[in-house]
Amino acid sequence: MDINTVVKICGSGLIAQRTKMEVVAENLANVSTTRTPEGGPYKKKVVNLEAENVSFRDQLDDVVKAVKVESIAASNEGFKTVYDPTHPDADEKGNVLLPNVDLMKEMVDMIYAARAYEAVATAFDATKNMALKTLELGK
């Protein structure tokens, strides 16, 4: 196995999970934002990942894939409506549109991304240690 391929695959996983954590952090930071420059409440962002081919070996090209961030898009979920006539962003009926960010889902996504990041880092470390052991055998 080529170490450069493993480094590329692990690196792509680390970048993808870091991007997911950054987007989740942005969503959490805007959980109460009712007014944005675009108008209306903050729209939750989601990260879409995609498999990326890695030239490994002809027989393994269909199995060995890296990952890349395909896009970061606004969620299509509807906004939450809360009755609060004293809020500065309330409409004429006293309803306020709140962001479509669910705190619990975001925390689960953050834990998932952090654990995936940790798993990829562990895989990279194991690969590095195997390569070092191989070099020691050659002495």
N, C-alpha and C. Protein backbone atom coordinates (compact mmCIF):
# COMPACT_ATOMS: atom_id res chain seq x y z
N MET A 1 0.85 -1.18 0.00
CA MET A 1 0.00 0.00 0.00
C MET A 1 0.89 1.24 0.00
N ASP A 2 0.54 2.18 -0.84
CA ASP A 2 1.29 3.42 -0.96
C ASP A 2 0.91 4.35 0.19
N ILE A 3 1.89 4.80 0.95
CA ILE A 3 1.63 5.68 2.10
C ILE A 3 1.02 7.01 1.68
N ASN A 4 1.38 7.49 0.49
CA ASN A 4 0.81 8.75 0.01
C ASN A 4 -0.69 8.66 -0.19
N THR A 5 -1.16 7.50 -0.65
CA THR A 5 -2.60 7.30 -0.83
C THR A 5 -3.31 7.32 0.51
N VAL A 6 -2.72 6.65 1.49
CA VAL A 6 -3.32 6.63 2.82
C VAL A 6 -3.35 8.03 3.42
N VAL A 7 -2.28 8.78 3.24
CA VAL A 7 -2.23 10.15 3.75
C VAL A 7 -3.30 11.00 3.06
N LYS A 8 -3.48 10.82 1.76
CA LYS A 8 -4.50 11.59 1.04
C LYS A 8 -5.90 11.25 1.54
N ILE A 9 -6.18 9.96 1.73
CA ILE A 9 -7.49 9.53 2.20
C ILE A 9 -7.74 10.05 3.61
N CYS A 10 -6.77 9.90 4.50
CA CYS A 10 -6.93 10.40 5.87
C CYS A 10 -7.05 11.92 5.89
N GLY A 11 -6.26 12.60 5.09
CA GLY A 11 -6.33 14.05 5.03
C GLY A 11 -7.69 14.53 4.56
N SER A 12 -8.25 13.84 3.56
CA SER A 12 -9.57 14.25 3.07
C SER A 12 -10.63 14.03 4.14
N GLY A 13 -10.50 12.97 4.91
CA GLY A 13 -11.45 12.72 6.00
C GLY A 13 -11.34 13.77 7.09
N LEU A 14 -10.11 14.15 7.42
CA LEU A 14 -9.91 15.18 8.44
C LEU A 14 -10.49 16.52 7.99
N ILE A 15 -10.26 16.88 6.74
CA ILE A 15 -10.79 18.14 6.22
C ILE A 15 -12.32 18.12 6.22
N ALA A 16 -12.91 17.01 5.79
CA ALA A 16 -14.37 16.92 5.73
C ALA A 16 -14.98 17.03 7.13
N GLN A 17 -14.42 16.33 8.10
CA GLN A 17 -14.98 16.38 9.45
C GLN A 17 -14.75 17.73 10.12
N ARG A 18 -13.61 18.35 9.84
CA ARG A 18 -13.36 19.69 10.37
C ARG A 18 -14.37 20.68 9.80
N THR A 19 -14.67 20.56 8.51
CA THR A 19 -15.66 21.42 7.88
C THR A 19 -17.03 21.22 8.51
N LYS A 20 -17.39 19.96 8.77
CA LYS A 20 -18.67 19.69 9.42
C LYS A 20 -18.73 20.33 10.80
N MET A 21 -17.64 20.23 11.55
CA MET A 21 -17.62 20.82 12.89
C MET A 21 -17.72 22.35 12.82
N GLU A 22 -17.08 22.96 11.83
CA GLU A 22 -17.17 24.42 11.68
C GLU A 22 -18.60 24.86 11.34
N VAL A 23 -19.27 24.11 10.48
CA VAL A 23 -20.65 24.45 10.12
C VAL A 23 -21.58 24.25 11.30
N VAL A 24 -21.39 23.17 12.06
CA VAL A 24 -22.21 22.95 13.25
C VAL A 24 -21.98 24.08 14.26
N ALA A 25 -20.73 24.49 14.43
CA ALA A 25 -20.44 25.59 15.35
C ALA A 25 -21.13 26.88 14.90
N GLU A 26 -21.14 27.14 13.60
CA GLU A 26 -21.84 28.32 13.08
C GLU A 26 -23.34 28.21 13.33
N ASN A 27 -23.91 27.02 13.13
CA ASN A 27 -25.33 26.82 13.39
C ASN A 27 -25.65 27.06 14.87
N LEU A 28 -24.80 26.53 15.75
CA LEU A 28 -25.02 26.72 17.18
C LEU A 28 -24.89 28.18 17.58
N ALA A 29 -23.96 28.88 16.98
CA ALA A 29 -23.77 30.30 17.30
C ALA A 29 -24.97 31.14 16.87
N ASN A 30 -25.72 30.67 15.90
CA ASN A 30 -26.85 31.43 15.37
C ASN A 30 -28.20 30.82 15.75
N VAL A 31 -28.25 30.03 16.80
CA VAL A 31 -29.47 29.34 17.19
C VAL A 31 -30.60 30.31 17.54
N SER A 32 -30.26 31.53 17.92
CA SER A 32 -31.29 32.52 18.30
C SER A 32 -31.32 33.72 17.37
N THR A 33 -30.63 33.67 16.26
CA THR A 33 -30.57 34.82 15.35
C THR A 33 -31.85 34.93 14.55
N THR A 34 -32.58 36.02 14.78
CA THR A 34 -33.86 36.21 14.09
C THR A 34 -33.77 37.21 12.94
N ARG A 35 -32.62 37.86 12.82
CA ARG A 35 -32.45 38.85 11.75
C ARG A 35 -31.07 38.68 11.13
N THR A 36 -31.04 38.46 9.83
CA THR A 36 -29.77 38.30 9.11
C THR A 36 -29.68 39.37 8.03
N PRO A 37 -28.49 39.61 7.48
CA PRO A 37 -28.36 40.59 6.40
C PRO A 37 -29.21 40.24 5.17
N GLU A 38 -29.45 38.94 4.95
CA GLU A 38 -30.28 38.52 3.82
C GLU A 38 -31.76 38.74 4.09
N GLY A 39 -32.10 38.97 5.35
CA GLY A 39 -33.49 39.13 5.75
C GLY A 39 -34.03 37.84 6.34
N GLY A 40 -34.82 37.95 7.39
CA GLY A 40 -35.40 36.78 8.04
C GLY A 40 -34.43 36.13 9.00
N PRO A 41 -34.86 35.02 9.60
CA PRO A 41 -34.01 34.33 10.56
C PRO A 41 -32.87 33.58 9.88
N TYR A 42 -31.90 33.19 10.68
CA TYR A 42 -30.76 32.41 10.19
C TYR A 42 -31.25 31.08 9.64
N LYS A 43 -30.71 30.66 8.52
CA LYS A 43 -31.04 29.36 7.93
C LYS A 43 -29.91 28.39 8.25
N LYS A 44 -30.28 27.28 8.85
CA LYS A 44 -29.32 26.24 9.20
C LYS A 44 -28.55 25.81 7.95
N LYS A 45 -27.25 25.58 8.11
CA LYS A 45 -26.43 25.10 7.01
C LYS A 45 -26.13 23.62 7.21
N VAL A 46 -26.06 22.90 6.10
CA VAL A 46 -25.71 21.48 6.14
C VAL A 46 -24.56 21.22 5.17
N VAL A 47 -23.72 20.28 5.54
CA VAL A 47 -22.57 19.90 4.71
C VAL A 47 -22.92 18.65 3.94
N ASN A 48 -22.72 18.68 2.64
CA ASN A 48 -22.93 17.51 1.79
C ASN A 48 -21.58 16.96 1.40
N LEU A 49 -21.35 15.69 1.74
CA LEU A 49 -20.09 15.03 1.42
C LEU A 49 -20.26 14.14 0.21
N GLU A 50 -19.16 13.90 -0.47
CA GLU A 50 -19.19 13.10 -1.69
C GLU A 50 -17.93 12.23 -1.73
N ALA A 51 -18.07 11.01 -2.25
CA ALA A 51 -16.91 10.14 -2.43
C ALA A 51 -16.07 10.65 -3.59
N GLU A 52 -14.78 10.51 -3.42
CA GLU A 52 -13.84 10.98 -4.46
C GLU A 52 -12.90 9.84 -4.80
N ASN A 53 -12.73 9.58 -6.07
CA ASN A 53 -11.84 8.50 -6.49
C ASN A 53 -10.40 8.82 -6.14
N VAL A 54 -9.71 7.77 -5.73
CA VAL A 54 -8.29 7.86 -5.44
C VAL A 54 -7.61 6.82 -6.31
N SER A 55 -6.65 7.24 -7.11
CA SER A 55 -5.98 6.25 -7.96
C SER A 55 -5.11 5.39 -7.06
N PHE A 56 -5.60 4.20 -6.79
CA PHE A 56 -4.92 3.27 -5.89
C PHE A 56 -4.33 2.13 -6.70
N ARG A 57 -5.19 1.24 -7.09
CA ARG A 57 -4.83 0.17 -8.01
C ARG A 57 -6.10 -0.16 -8.77
N ASP A 58 -5.95 -0.62 -9.98
CA ASP A 58 -7.13 -0.85 -10.82
C ASP A 58 -8.20 -1.69 -10.12
N GLN A 59 -7.80 -2.76 -9.44
CA GLN A 59 -8.79 -3.65 -8.85
C GLN A 59 -9.41 -3.06 -7.57
N LEU A 60 -8.82 -2.03 -6.99
CA LEU A 60 -9.35 -1.44 -5.76
C LEU A 60 -9.96 -0.06 -5.96
N ASP A 61 -9.96 0.46 -7.19
CA ASP A 61 -10.48 1.81 -7.43
C ASP A 61 -11.94 1.95 -7.02
N ASP A 62 -12.73 0.88 -7.15
CA ASP A 62 -14.14 0.97 -6.79
C ASP A 62 -14.36 0.88 -5.29
N VAL A 63 -13.36 0.45 -4.54
CA VAL A 63 -13.51 0.25 -3.10
C VAL A 63 -12.86 1.38 -2.30
N VAL A 64 -11.67 1.76 -2.67
CA VAL A 64 -10.92 2.76 -1.92
C VAL A 64 -11.29 4.15 -2.43
N LYS A 65 -11.90 4.94 -1.55
CA LYS A 65 -12.36 6.28 -1.91
C LYS A 65 -11.91 7.27 -0.84
N ALA A 66 -11.71 8.48 -1.26
CA ALA A 66 -11.51 9.58 -0.32
C ALA A 66 -12.86 10.28 -0.20
N VAL A 67 -12.91 11.31 0.62
CA VAL A 67 -14.14 12.06 0.79
C VAL A 67 -13.84 13.54 0.56
N LYS A 68 -14.82 14.23 0.02
CA LYS A 68 -14.64 15.67 -0.16
C LYS A 68 -15.95 16.37 0.15
N VAL A 69 -15.85 17.62 0.51
CA VAL A 69 -17.04 18.42 0.78
C VAL A 69 -17.59 18.86 -0.57
N GLU A 70 -18.76 18.35 -0.90
CA GLU A 70 -19.39 18.70 -2.17
C GLU A 70 -19.96 20.11 -2.11
N SER A 71 -20.68 20.40 -1.02
CA SER A 71 -21.27 21.72 -0.89
C SER A 71 -21.68 21.98 0.55
N ILE A 72 -21.87 23.24 0.86
CA ILE A 72 -22.47 23.66 2.12
C ILE A 72 -23.70 24.46 1.71
N ALA A 73 -24.86 23.94 2.08
CA ALA A 73 -26.11 24.54 1.61
C ALA A 73 -27.03 24.86 2.78
N ALA A 74 -27.96 25.76 2.55
CA ALA A 74 -28.98 26.08 3.54
C ALA A 74 -29.97 24.93 3.61
N SER A 75 -30.42 24.64 4.81
CA SER A 75 -31.39 23.58 5.03
C SER A 75 -32.75 23.99 4.48
N ASN A 76 -33.53 23.02 4.03
CA ASN A 76 -34.88 23.29 3.52
C ASN A 76 -35.95 23.19 4.60
N GLU A 77 -35.54 22.90 5.83
CA GLU A 77 -36.51 22.79 6.92
C GLU A 77 -37.16 24.14 7.18
N GLY A 78 -38.40 24.10 7.60
CA GLY A 78 -39.13 25.32 7.89
C GLY A 78 -38.67 25.97 9.20
N PHE A 79 -38.97 27.23 9.34
CA PHE A 79 -38.61 27.96 10.55
C PHE A 79 -39.59 27.64 11.67
N LYS A 80 -39.15 27.85 12.91
CA LYS A 80 -40.02 27.70 14.07
C LYS A 80 -40.73 29.04 14.30
N THR A 81 -41.97 28.97 14.71
CA THR A 81 -42.72 30.18 15.01
C THR A 81 -43.04 30.20 16.50
N VAL A 82 -42.75 31.34 17.13
CA VAL A 82 -43.01 31.52 18.55
C VAL A 82 -43.80 32.81 18.74
N TYR A 83 -44.79 32.76 19.62
CA TYR A 83 -45.57 33.96 19.91
C TYR A 83 -44.84 34.79 20.96
N ASP A 84 -44.39 35.98 20.57
CA ASP A 84 -43.71 36.90 21.47
C ASP A 84 -43.90 38.32 20.93
N PRO A 85 -45.03 38.96 21.28
CA PRO A 85 -45.33 40.28 20.73
C PRO A 85 -44.33 41.36 21.15
N THR A 86 -43.53 41.12 22.19
CA THR A 86 -42.55 42.12 22.64
C THR A 86 -41.23 42.04 21.88
N HIS A 87 -41.04 41.00 21.10
CA HIS A 87 -39.79 40.82 20.35
C HIS A 87 -39.73 41.85 19.22
N PRO A 88 -38.54 42.46 18.99
CA PRO A 88 -38.44 43.47 17.93
C PRO A 88 -38.70 42.94 16.52
N ASP A 89 -38.56 41.63 16.31
CA ASP A 89 -38.78 41.05 14.98
C ASP A 89 -40.15 40.38 14.86
N ALA A 90 -41.04 40.65 15.80
CA ALA A 90 -42.37 40.05 15.75
C ALA A 90 -43.18 40.68 14.61
N ASP A 91 -44.02 39.85 13.98
CA ASP A 91 -44.89 40.38 12.92
C ASP A 91 -46.12 41.04 13.56
N GLU A 92 -47.07 41.44 12.75
CA GLU A 92 -48.25 42.15 13.26
C GLU A 92 -49.11 41.28 14.17
N LYS A 93 -48.99 39.97 14.06
CA LYS A 93 -49.74 39.05 14.93
C LYS A 93 -48.96 38.70 16.20
N GLY A 94 -47.73 39.17 16.32
CA GLY A 94 -46.91 38.88 17.49
C GLY A 94 -46.07 37.63 17.37
N ASN A 95 -46.03 37.02 16.18
CA ASN A 95 -45.23 35.81 15.96
C ASN A 95 -43.82 36.16 15.50
N VAL A 96 -42.88 35.39 15.98
CA VAL A 96 -41.47 35.58 15.63
C VAL A 96 -40.98 34.31 14.95
N LEU A 97 -40.33 34.47 13.81
CA LEU A 97 -39.71 33.31 13.14
C LEU A 97 -38.33 33.09 13.74
N LEU A 98 -38.10 31.87 14.22
CA LEU A 98 -36.81 31.50 14.79
C LEU A 98 -36.07 30.59 13.81
N PRO A 99 -34.75 30.53 13.91
CA PRO A 99 -33.97 29.68 13.00
C PRO A 99 -34.40 28.21 13.09
N ASN A 100 -34.16 27.50 12.01
CA ASN A 100 -34.50 26.08 11.95
C ASN A 100 -33.38 25.20 12.50
N VAL A 101 -32.69 25.70 13.51
CA VAL A 101 -31.58 24.98 14.14
C VAL A 101 -32.10 24.29 15.39
N ASP A 102 -31.95 22.97 15.44
CA ASP A 102 -32.32 22.18 16.62
C ASP A 102 -31.05 21.94 17.43
N LEU A 103 -31.02 22.48 18.64
CA LEU A 103 -29.82 22.41 19.48
C LEU A 103 -29.35 20.97 19.70
N MET A 104 -30.29 20.07 19.99
CA MET A 104 -29.90 18.68 20.26
C MET A 104 -29.32 17.99 19.01
N LYS A 105 -29.95 18.22 17.86
CA LYS A 105 -29.44 17.62 16.63
C LYS A 105 -28.04 18.15 16.31
N GLU A 106 -27.84 19.43 16.54
CA GLU A 106 -26.52 20.02 16.26
C GLU A 106 -25.46 19.44 17.19
N MET A 107 -25.81 19.24 18.46
CA MET A 107 -24.85 18.66 19.40
C MET A 107 -24.51 17.21 19.01
N VAL A 108 -25.53 16.47 18.57
CA VAL A 108 -25.28 15.09 18.11
C VAL A 108 -24.37 15.12 16.88
N ASP A 109 -24.64 16.03 15.94
CA ASP A 109 -23.79 16.16 14.75
C ASP A 109 -22.36 16.52 15.13
N MET A 110 -22.20 17.39 16.13
CA MET A 110 -20.86 17.79 16.57
C MET A 110 -20.12 16.60 17.18
N ILE A 111 -20.80 15.83 18.02
CA ILE A 111 -20.17 14.65 18.63
C ILE A 111 -19.80 13.64 17.54
N TYR A 112 -20.71 13.43 16.59
CA TYR A 112 -20.46 12.50 15.49
C TYR A 112 -19.23 12.93 14.68
N ALA A 113 -19.16 14.20 14.34
CA ALA A 113 -18.04 14.70 13.55
C ALA A 113 -16.73 14.62 14.34
N ALA A 114 -16.79 14.93 15.62
CA ALA A 114 -15.58 14.86 16.46
C ALA A 114 -15.08 13.43 16.57
N ARG A 115 -15.98 12.49 16.72
CA ARG A 115 -15.58 11.08 16.82
C ARG A 115 -15.05 10.57 15.48
N ALA A 116 -15.67 10.97 14.40
CA ALA A 116 -15.18 10.58 13.07
C ALA A 116 -13.79 11.17 12.84
N TYR A 117 -13.58 12.42 13.23
CA TYR A 117 -12.28 13.06 13.11
C TYR A 117 -11.24 12.28 13.91
N GLU A 118 -11.61 11.91 15.12
CA GLU A 118 -10.70 11.14 15.98
C GLU A 118 -10.38 9.78 15.37
N ALA A 119 -11.37 9.13 14.77
CA ALA A 119 -11.15 7.82 14.15
C ALA A 119 -10.19 7.93 12.96
N VAL A 120 -10.36 8.97 12.16
CA VAL A 120 -9.47 9.17 11.01
C VAL A 120 -8.05 9.48 11.50
N ALA A 121 -7.93 10.29 12.54
CA ALA A 121 -6.62 10.60 13.09
C ALA A 121 -5.95 9.34 13.64
N THR A 122 -6.72 8.46 14.26
CA THR A 122 -6.20 7.20 14.78
C THR A 122 -5.73 6.30 13.64
N ALA A 123 -6.51 6.25 12.55
CA ALA A 123 -6.11 5.45 11.39
C ALA A 123 -4.82 5.98 10.78
N PHE A 124 -4.70 7.30 10.70
CA PHE A 124 -3.48 7.90 10.17
C PHE A 124 -2.29 7.56 11.07
N ASP A 125 -2.49 7.67 12.38
CA ASP A 125 -1.42 7.37 13.33
C ASP A 125 -0.99 5.90 13.24
N ALA A 126 -1.95 5.00 13.08
CA ALA A 126 -1.63 3.57 12.95
C ALA A 126 -0.83 3.33 11.67
N THR A 127 -1.20 3.98 10.59
CA THR A 127 -0.48 3.84 9.33
C THR A 127 0.95 4.36 9.46
N LYS A 128 1.08 5.51 10.11
CA LYS A 128 2.41 6.09 10.33
C LYS A 128 3.28 5.15 11.16
N ASN A 129 2.70 4.57 12.21
CA ASN A 129 3.46 3.65 13.06
C ASN A 129 3.87 2.39 12.31
N MET A 130 2.98 1.89 11.43
CA MET A 130 3.34 0.71 10.63
C MET A 130 4.48 1.04 9.67
N ALA A 131 4.45 2.23 9.09
CA ALA A 131 5.52 2.63 8.18
C ALA A 131 6.85 2.77 8.93
N LEU A 132 6.80 3.31 10.13
CA LEU A 132 8.02 3.44 10.93
C LEU A 132 8.57 2.07 11.33
N LYS A 133 7.69 1.16 11.70
CA LYS A 133 8.12 -0.21 12.04
C LYS A 133 8.75 -0.90 10.82
N THR A 134 8.17 -0.66 9.65
CA THR A 134 8.72 -1.24 8.43
C THR A 134 10.13 -0.70 8.18
N LEU A 135 10.33 0.59 8.41
CA LEU A 135 11.66 1.17 8.24
C LEU A 135 12.66 0.59 9.24
N GLU A 136 12.19 0.31 10.46
CA GLU A 136 13.06 -0.29 11.48
C GLU A 136 13.48 -1.69 11.08
N LEU A 137 12.60 -2.43 10.42
CA LEU A 137 12.94 -3.78 9.96
C LEU A 137 14.03 -3.77 8.93
N GLY A 138 14.11 -2.69 8.16
CA GLY A 138 15.12 -2.58 7.11
C GLY A 138 16.51 -2.26 7.62
N LYS A 139 16.63 -1.94 8.90
CA LYS A 139 17.95 -1.59 9.46
C LYS A 139 18.82 -2.78 9.65
